N, C-alpha and C. Protein backbone atom coordinates (compact mmCIF):
# COMPACT_ATOMS: atom_id res chain seq x y z
N MET A 1 119.32 108.45 92.33
CA MET A 1 118.10 108.06 91.65
C MET A 1 118.40 107.97 90.16
N ARG A 2 118.00 106.90 89.55
CA ARG A 2 118.20 106.71 88.11
C ARG A 2 116.84 106.75 87.42
N LEU A 3 116.82 107.38 86.27
CA LEU A 3 115.60 107.44 85.47
C LEU A 3 115.75 106.50 84.28
N SER A 4 114.65 105.89 83.88
CA SER A 4 114.67 105.02 82.71
C SER A 4 114.85 105.87 81.45
N LYS A 5 115.25 105.22 80.37
CA LYS A 5 115.38 105.92 79.08
C LYS A 5 114.04 106.53 78.68
N LYS A 6 112.98 105.84 78.97
CA LYS A 6 111.64 106.32 78.62
C LYS A 6 111.36 107.66 79.31
N THR A 7 111.69 107.75 80.59
CA THR A 7 111.48 108.99 81.34
C THR A 7 112.40 110.09 80.83
N GLU A 8 113.65 109.74 80.58
CA GLU A 8 114.60 110.73 80.06
C GLU A 8 114.13 111.28 78.71
N TYR A 9 113.70 110.39 77.82
CA TYR A 9 113.20 110.83 76.51
C TYR A 9 111.94 111.68 76.67
N ALA A 10 111.08 111.31 77.61
CA ALA A 10 109.86 112.09 77.84
C ALA A 10 110.20 113.50 78.28
N LEU A 11 111.15 113.64 79.20
CA LEU A 11 111.55 114.96 79.66
C LEU A 11 112.18 115.77 78.54
N ARG A 12 113.03 115.12 77.74
CA ARG A 12 113.64 115.82 76.60
C ARG A 12 112.58 116.27 75.60
N ALA A 13 111.61 115.42 75.32
CA ALA A 13 110.54 115.77 74.38
C ALA A 13 109.71 116.93 74.92
N LEU A 14 109.41 116.91 76.21
CA LEU A 14 108.62 117.98 76.81
C LEU A 14 109.40 119.30 76.84
N MET A 15 110.71 119.23 77.08
CA MET A 15 111.51 120.46 77.05
C MET A 15 111.53 121.05 75.64
N TYR A 16 111.63 120.19 74.65
CA TYR A 16 111.59 120.64 73.26
C TYR A 16 110.26 121.35 72.98
N THR A 17 109.19 120.74 73.42
CA THR A 17 107.85 121.28 73.22
C THR A 17 107.66 122.61 73.95
N ALA A 18 108.22 122.70 75.14
CA ALA A 18 108.05 123.91 75.96
C ALA A 18 108.73 125.13 75.34
N ARG A 19 109.66 124.92 74.44
CA ARG A 19 110.35 126.04 73.80
C ARG A 19 109.49 126.72 72.72
N PHE A 20 108.45 126.06 72.28
CA PHE A 20 107.56 126.64 71.27
C PHE A 20 106.61 127.63 71.93
N PRO A 21 106.15 128.61 71.17
CA PRO A 21 105.13 129.51 71.72
C PRO A 21 103.89 128.70 72.13
N GLU A 22 103.19 129.20 73.14
CA GLU A 22 102.00 128.51 73.64
C GLU A 22 101.01 128.25 72.52
N GLY A 23 100.47 127.04 72.48
CA GLY A 23 99.49 126.67 71.46
C GLY A 23 100.09 126.13 70.18
N THR A 24 101.42 126.09 70.09
CA THR A 24 102.08 125.57 68.89
C THR A 24 102.22 124.06 69.00
N SER A 25 101.82 123.36 67.96
CA SER A 25 101.95 121.90 67.98
C SER A 25 103.23 121.50 67.26
N PHE A 26 103.65 120.27 67.47
CA PHE A 26 104.85 119.76 66.83
C PHE A 26 104.56 118.37 66.27
N GLN A 27 105.32 118.00 65.28
CA GLN A 27 105.19 116.69 64.66
C GLN A 27 106.16 115.71 65.32
N ILE A 28 105.74 114.48 65.46
CA ILE A 28 106.58 113.44 66.07
C ILE A 28 107.88 113.29 65.30
N ARG A 29 107.79 113.31 63.98
CA ARG A 29 108.97 113.13 63.13
C ARG A 29 110.04 114.17 63.45
N ASP A 30 109.63 115.45 63.57
CA ASP A 30 110.57 116.52 63.86
C ASP A 30 111.20 116.35 65.24
N LEU A 31 110.37 116.06 66.20
CA LEU A 31 110.86 115.89 67.56
C LEU A 31 111.84 114.73 67.64
N ALA A 32 111.54 113.64 67.00
CA ALA A 32 112.41 112.46 67.02
C ALA A 32 113.76 112.78 66.38
N GLU A 33 113.74 113.44 65.24
CA GLU A 33 114.98 113.77 64.53
C GLU A 33 115.84 114.75 65.31
N LYS A 34 115.23 115.80 65.82
CA LYS A 34 116.00 116.86 66.49
C LYS A 34 116.50 116.47 67.87
N ASN A 35 115.92 115.43 68.45
CA ASN A 35 116.33 115.01 69.80
C ASN A 35 116.93 113.62 69.84
N ALA A 36 117.17 113.03 68.67
CA ALA A 36 117.78 111.69 68.58
C ALA A 36 117.02 110.66 69.42
N ILE A 37 115.71 110.64 69.24
CA ILE A 37 114.85 109.68 69.94
C ILE A 37 114.22 108.78 68.89
N PRO A 38 114.29 107.47 69.06
CA PRO A 38 113.66 106.57 68.08
C PRO A 38 112.16 106.89 67.94
N LYS A 39 111.71 107.05 66.69
CA LYS A 39 110.35 107.51 66.41
C LYS A 39 109.28 106.59 67.01
N LYS A 40 109.41 105.30 66.83
CA LYS A 40 108.40 104.36 67.35
C LYS A 40 108.32 104.43 68.88
N PHE A 41 109.48 104.52 69.52
CA PHE A 41 109.53 104.61 70.98
C PHE A 41 108.90 105.93 71.42
N LEU A 42 109.19 107.00 70.69
CA LEU A 42 108.63 108.31 71.01
C LEU A 42 107.11 108.32 70.89
N GLU A 43 106.57 107.63 69.90
CA GLU A 43 105.12 107.56 69.75
C GLU A 43 104.46 106.98 71.01
N LEU A 44 105.06 105.93 71.57
CA LEU A 44 104.53 105.32 72.79
C LEU A 44 104.63 106.28 73.98
N ILE A 45 105.75 106.98 74.06
CA ILE A 45 105.96 107.93 75.16
C ILE A 45 104.94 109.05 75.09
N LEU A 46 104.74 109.61 73.90
CA LEU A 46 103.81 110.72 73.74
C LEU A 46 102.37 110.29 74.03
N LEU A 47 102.04 109.08 73.67
CA LEU A 47 100.70 108.56 73.97
C LEU A 47 100.49 108.48 75.49
N GLU A 48 101.50 108.01 76.21
CA GLU A 48 101.39 107.94 77.67
C GLU A 48 101.27 109.34 78.28
N LEU A 49 102.02 110.30 77.74
CA LEU A 49 101.93 111.68 78.23
C LEU A 49 100.56 112.27 77.93
N LYS A 50 100.00 111.92 76.79
CA LYS A 50 98.66 112.38 76.44
C LYS A 50 97.63 111.77 77.41
N ASN A 51 97.74 110.49 77.66
CA ASN A 51 96.82 109.82 78.58
C ASN A 51 96.92 110.37 80.00
N ALA A 52 98.11 110.89 80.35
CA ALA A 52 98.32 111.46 81.68
C ALA A 52 97.86 112.92 81.75
N GLY A 53 97.43 113.48 80.62
CA GLY A 53 96.95 114.86 80.61
C GLY A 53 98.04 115.91 80.53
N ILE A 54 99.24 115.51 80.17
CA ILE A 54 100.35 116.45 80.06
C ILE A 54 100.44 117.01 78.64
N LEU A 55 100.07 116.21 77.67
CA LEU A 55 100.01 116.64 76.27
C LEU A 55 98.59 116.49 75.75
N VAL A 56 98.27 117.23 74.71
CA VAL A 56 97.04 117.03 73.96
C VAL A 56 97.43 116.89 72.50
N SER A 57 96.56 116.30 71.71
CA SER A 57 96.86 116.14 70.30
C SER A 57 95.80 116.82 69.46
N ARG A 58 96.24 117.25 68.28
CA ARG A 58 95.34 117.84 67.29
C ARG A 58 95.41 117.00 66.04
N ARG A 59 94.27 116.80 65.44
CA ARG A 59 94.22 116.06 64.18
C ARG A 59 94.23 117.04 63.03
N GLY A 60 94.52 116.53 61.87
CA GLY A 60 94.40 117.34 60.67
C GLY A 60 95.72 117.90 60.20
N VAL A 61 95.61 118.82 59.24
CA VAL A 61 96.78 119.36 58.56
C VAL A 61 97.74 120.05 59.52
N GLY A 62 97.31 120.92 60.36
CA GLY A 62 98.21 121.59 61.30
C GLY A 62 98.35 120.85 62.61
N GLY A 63 98.03 119.59 62.58
CA GLY A 63 97.96 118.81 63.80
C GLY A 63 99.30 118.40 64.38
N GLY A 64 99.23 117.69 65.45
CA GLY A 64 100.40 117.22 66.17
C GLY A 64 100.11 117.24 67.65
N TYR A 65 101.16 117.26 68.44
CA TYR A 65 101.04 117.30 69.89
C TYR A 65 101.42 118.69 70.40
N LEU A 66 100.82 119.08 71.52
CA LEU A 66 101.19 120.30 72.21
C LEU A 66 100.96 120.12 73.70
N LEU A 67 101.58 120.99 74.49
CA LEU A 67 101.42 120.90 75.94
C LEU A 67 99.97 121.19 76.33
N ALA A 68 99.47 120.44 77.28
CA ALA A 68 98.11 120.64 77.77
C ALA A 68 98.03 121.85 78.70
N ARG A 69 99.17 122.17 79.34
CA ARG A 69 99.24 123.29 80.27
C ARG A 69 100.54 124.07 80.04
N ARG A 70 100.63 125.20 80.68
CA ARG A 70 101.84 126.01 80.58
C ARG A 70 103.01 125.27 81.23
N PRO A 71 104.23 125.43 80.71
CA PRO A 71 105.40 124.73 81.26
C PRO A 71 105.64 125.01 82.75
N GLU A 72 105.25 126.19 83.23
CA GLU A 72 105.44 126.53 84.65
C GLU A 72 104.56 125.71 85.57
N THR A 73 103.54 125.08 85.02
CA THR A 73 102.61 124.32 85.86
C THR A 73 102.82 122.81 85.77
N ILE A 74 103.73 122.38 84.93
CA ILE A 74 104.00 120.94 84.79
C ILE A 74 105.22 120.59 85.64
N ARG A 75 104.98 119.87 86.71
CA ARG A 75 106.04 119.47 87.63
C ARG A 75 106.75 118.23 87.09
N THR A 76 108.06 118.18 87.28
CA THR A 76 108.80 117.00 86.81
C THR A 76 108.33 115.75 87.54
N LEU A 77 107.84 115.91 88.76
CA LEU A 77 107.32 114.76 89.50
C LEU A 77 106.19 114.08 88.74
N GLU A 78 105.31 114.88 88.13
CA GLU A 78 104.20 114.31 87.33
C GLU A 78 104.72 113.43 86.21
N VAL A 79 105.72 113.95 85.51
CA VAL A 79 106.27 113.24 84.36
C VAL A 79 106.96 111.96 84.81
N VAL A 80 107.79 112.07 85.83
CA VAL A 80 108.51 110.90 86.32
C VAL A 80 107.54 109.82 86.79
N GLU A 81 106.47 110.22 87.47
CA GLU A 81 105.53 109.23 87.98
C GLU A 81 104.73 108.54 86.87
N VAL A 82 104.59 109.18 85.71
CA VAL A 82 103.91 108.53 84.58
C VAL A 82 104.68 107.28 84.19
N PHE A 83 106.01 107.36 84.20
CA PHE A 83 106.83 106.26 83.70
C PHE A 83 107.49 105.41 84.78
N GLU A 84 107.72 106.00 85.95
CA GLU A 84 108.43 105.27 87.01
C GLU A 84 107.53 104.81 88.14
N GLY A 85 106.29 105.30 88.16
CA GLY A 85 105.40 104.98 89.27
C GLY A 85 105.57 105.99 90.39
N PRO A 86 104.83 105.82 91.48
CA PRO A 86 104.88 106.78 92.59
C PRO A 86 106.29 106.95 93.14
N VAL A 87 106.66 108.20 93.37
CA VAL A 87 107.96 108.53 93.94
C VAL A 87 107.72 109.02 95.36
N GLY A 88 108.60 108.66 96.26
CA GLY A 88 108.49 109.16 97.62
C GLY A 88 107.68 108.27 98.54
N THR A 89 107.23 107.14 98.02
CA THR A 89 106.46 106.23 98.87
C THR A 89 107.35 105.19 99.52
N GLY A 90 108.64 105.29 99.26
CA GLY A 90 109.59 104.35 99.86
C GLY A 90 109.89 103.21 98.93
N ILE A 91 111.14 103.02 98.70
CA ILE A 91 111.59 101.91 97.86
C ILE A 91 111.84 100.74 98.80
N ARG A 92 111.26 99.66 98.52
CA ARG A 92 111.44 98.50 99.38
C ARG A 92 112.80 97.87 99.10
N GLU A 93 113.61 97.77 100.16
CA GLU A 93 114.89 97.10 99.95
C GLU A 93 114.63 95.61 99.82
N LYS A 94 115.55 94.94 99.16
CA LYS A 94 115.38 93.51 98.93
C LYS A 94 115.39 92.79 100.27
N ARG A 95 114.44 91.94 100.41
CA ARG A 95 114.34 91.19 101.67
C ARG A 95 115.52 90.24 101.83
N ALA A 96 115.93 90.13 103.04
CA ALA A 96 117.01 89.20 103.34
C ALA A 96 116.45 87.79 103.48
N GLY A 97 115.19 87.62 103.22
CA GLY A 97 114.53 86.33 103.35
C GLY A 97 115.18 85.23 102.53
N LYS A 98 115.79 85.61 101.43
CA LYS A 98 116.46 84.61 100.59
C LYS A 98 117.56 83.91 101.37
N ALA A 99 118.19 84.70 102.23
CA ALA A 99 119.27 84.12 103.03
C ALA A 99 118.72 83.58 104.36
N GLY A 100 117.40 83.64 104.52
CA GLY A 100 116.77 83.11 105.72
C GLY A 100 116.79 84.09 106.88
N LYS A 101 116.92 85.38 106.62
CA LYS A 101 117.06 86.36 107.69
C LYS A 101 115.75 86.86 108.25
N GLY A 102 114.73 87.11 107.54
CA GLY A 102 113.50 87.62 108.13
C GLY A 102 113.21 89.05 107.71
N GLU A 103 112.81 89.90 108.69
CA GLU A 103 112.37 91.27 108.43
C GLU A 103 113.53 92.18 108.02
N PRO A 104 113.22 93.20 107.19
CA PRO A 104 114.27 94.16 106.82
C PRO A 104 114.64 95.03 108.02
N SER A 105 115.81 95.60 107.97
CA SER A 105 116.30 96.46 109.04
C SER A 105 115.47 97.74 109.15
N PRO A 106 114.99 98.09 110.35
CA PRO A 106 114.24 99.34 110.51
C PRO A 106 115.08 100.56 110.14
N ALA A 107 116.37 100.53 110.43
CA ALA A 107 117.26 101.65 110.12
C ALA A 107 117.38 101.83 108.61
N VAL A 108 117.54 100.73 107.90
CA VAL A 108 117.66 100.80 106.44
C VAL A 108 116.33 101.24 105.84
N SER A 109 115.24 100.75 106.38
CA SER A 109 113.91 101.15 105.89
C SER A 109 113.71 102.66 106.05
N ARG A 110 114.11 103.19 107.20
CA ARG A 110 113.97 104.63 107.43
C ARG A 110 114.87 105.43 106.48
N LEU A 111 116.08 104.97 106.28
CA LEU A 111 117.01 105.63 105.36
C LEU A 111 116.42 105.70 103.95
N VAL A 112 115.90 104.60 103.48
CA VAL A 112 115.32 104.54 102.14
C VAL A 112 114.09 105.43 102.04
N GLU A 113 113.28 105.44 103.08
CA GLU A 113 112.08 106.28 103.10
C GLU A 113 112.45 107.76 103.03
N GLU A 114 113.45 108.17 103.78
CA GLU A 114 113.88 109.57 103.76
C GLU A 114 114.47 109.95 102.41
N ALA A 115 115.25 109.06 101.81
CA ALA A 115 115.83 109.33 100.50
C ALA A 115 114.74 109.46 99.44
N SER A 116 113.75 108.61 99.51
CA SER A 116 112.63 108.67 98.57
C SER A 116 111.85 109.97 98.73
N SER A 117 111.63 110.35 99.97
CA SER A 117 110.91 111.59 100.25
C SER A 117 111.68 112.80 99.72
N ALA A 118 112.98 112.81 99.91
CA ALA A 118 113.81 113.92 99.41
C ALA A 118 113.75 114.00 97.89
N SER A 119 113.81 112.85 97.23
CA SER A 119 113.71 112.82 95.76
C SER A 119 112.38 113.39 95.30
N ALA A 120 111.31 113.01 95.96
CA ALA A 120 109.98 113.49 95.58
C ALA A 120 109.88 115.00 95.76
N LYS A 121 110.48 115.53 96.83
CA LYS A 121 110.43 116.97 97.06
C LYS A 121 111.17 117.74 95.96
N VAL A 122 112.32 117.25 95.56
CA VAL A 122 113.09 117.91 94.49
C VAL A 122 112.31 117.85 93.18
N LEU A 123 111.78 116.70 92.85
CA LEU A 123 111.02 116.56 91.61
C LEU A 123 109.76 117.42 91.62
N ALA A 124 109.15 117.58 92.76
CA ALA A 124 107.94 118.41 92.88
C ALA A 124 108.27 119.89 92.77
N ARG A 125 109.49 120.26 93.15
CA ARG A 125 109.90 121.66 93.10
C ARG A 125 110.24 122.11 91.67
N TRP A 126 110.84 121.25 90.87
CA TRP A 126 111.25 121.60 89.50
C TRP A 126 110.07 121.49 88.54
N THR A 127 109.95 122.49 87.68
CA THR A 127 108.92 122.47 86.64
C THR A 127 109.59 122.28 85.28
N LEU A 128 108.76 122.07 84.30
CA LEU A 128 109.26 121.97 82.92
C LEU A 128 109.96 123.27 82.51
N ALA A 129 109.41 124.40 82.92
CA ALA A 129 110.03 125.70 82.62
C ALA A 129 111.41 125.79 83.26
N ASP A 130 111.57 125.26 84.47
CA ASP A 130 112.88 125.26 85.14
C ASP A 130 113.90 124.45 84.36
N LEU A 131 113.47 123.30 83.85
CA LEU A 131 114.37 122.45 83.06
C LEU A 131 114.83 123.17 81.79
N VAL A 132 113.90 123.83 81.11
CA VAL A 132 114.25 124.55 79.89
C VAL A 132 115.23 125.68 80.22
N ARG A 133 114.95 126.41 81.28
CA ARG A 133 115.84 127.51 81.68
C ARG A 133 117.23 126.98 82.02
N GLU A 134 117.30 125.89 82.75
CA GLU A 134 118.59 125.28 83.12
C GLU A 134 119.35 124.84 81.87
N GLU A 135 118.64 124.24 80.93
CA GLU A 135 119.27 123.78 79.68
C GLU A 135 119.83 124.97 78.90
N GLU A 136 119.08 126.05 78.83
CA GLU A 136 119.53 127.25 78.10
C GLU A 136 120.72 127.89 78.80
N GLU A 137 120.71 127.93 80.12
CA GLU A 137 121.83 128.49 80.87
C GLU A 137 123.09 127.65 80.69
N ALA A 138 122.94 126.33 80.66
CA ALA A 138 124.09 125.44 80.45
C ALA A 138 124.66 125.65 79.05
N ALA A 139 123.80 125.82 78.06
CA ALA A 139 124.27 126.07 76.69
C ALA A 139 125.01 127.40 76.62
N GLU A 140 124.52 128.40 77.32
CA GLU A 140 125.17 129.71 77.34
C GLU A 140 126.55 129.62 78.01
N ARG A 141 126.64 128.86 79.10
CA ARG A 141 127.94 128.67 79.77
C ARG A 141 128.93 127.98 78.85
N ARG A 142 128.47 126.99 78.09
CA ARG A 142 129.35 126.31 77.14
C ARG A 142 129.84 127.27 76.07
N ARG A 143 128.95 128.13 75.58
CA ARG A 143 129.34 129.10 74.55
C ARG A 143 130.39 130.08 75.09
N ARG A 144 130.22 130.53 76.33
CA ARG A 144 131.15 131.48 76.93
C ARG A 144 132.50 130.86 77.25
N ASN A 145 132.54 129.58 77.48
CA ASN A 145 133.77 128.91 77.89
C ASN A 145 134.58 128.37 76.71
N VAL A 146 134.22 128.73 75.52
CA VAL A 146 134.97 128.28 74.35
C VAL A 146 136.27 129.03 74.30
N MET A 147 137.36 128.29 74.14
CA MET A 147 138.68 128.92 74.07
C MET A 147 139.21 128.74 72.65
N TYR A 148 139.82 129.79 72.14
CA TYR A 148 140.38 129.75 70.80
C TYR A 148 141.91 129.74 70.91
N PHE A 149 142.52 128.85 70.20
CA PHE A 149 143.98 128.78 70.18
C PHE A 149 144.47 129.08 68.78
N ILE A 150 145.51 129.85 68.72
CA ILE A 150 146.07 130.20 67.39
C ILE A 150 147.47 129.63 67.30
């Protein structure tokens, strides 16, 4: 399964946000700079996340964006579906009709349906908090595996 850049950036932005104490807002400029995400593109992504109810925004001096819910309650499936559409409903394989063949293979259709269902289950199992924890554990493993040569 491949995710679009938009979805990848959305997940990175949400992981960044999840590291802040609950109720803390962040500025788009800071998030864009610290995560190497183009600011204009990020603005569109955050607006979609806000419209989906994953983020909320505050106006004014201390304003910005913040998570609408706790990271443990935000499933990655929700985020992916905002940008990629429904997951697990089956990806339609390209019809062989171009070559004059007719209906798609039932075996291939079942294979694709099972693969889609498995992807949806994994995405539904992982939360934003899980992603943050995994990222922190990976960073810790990198720090421990540093070798010094003299």
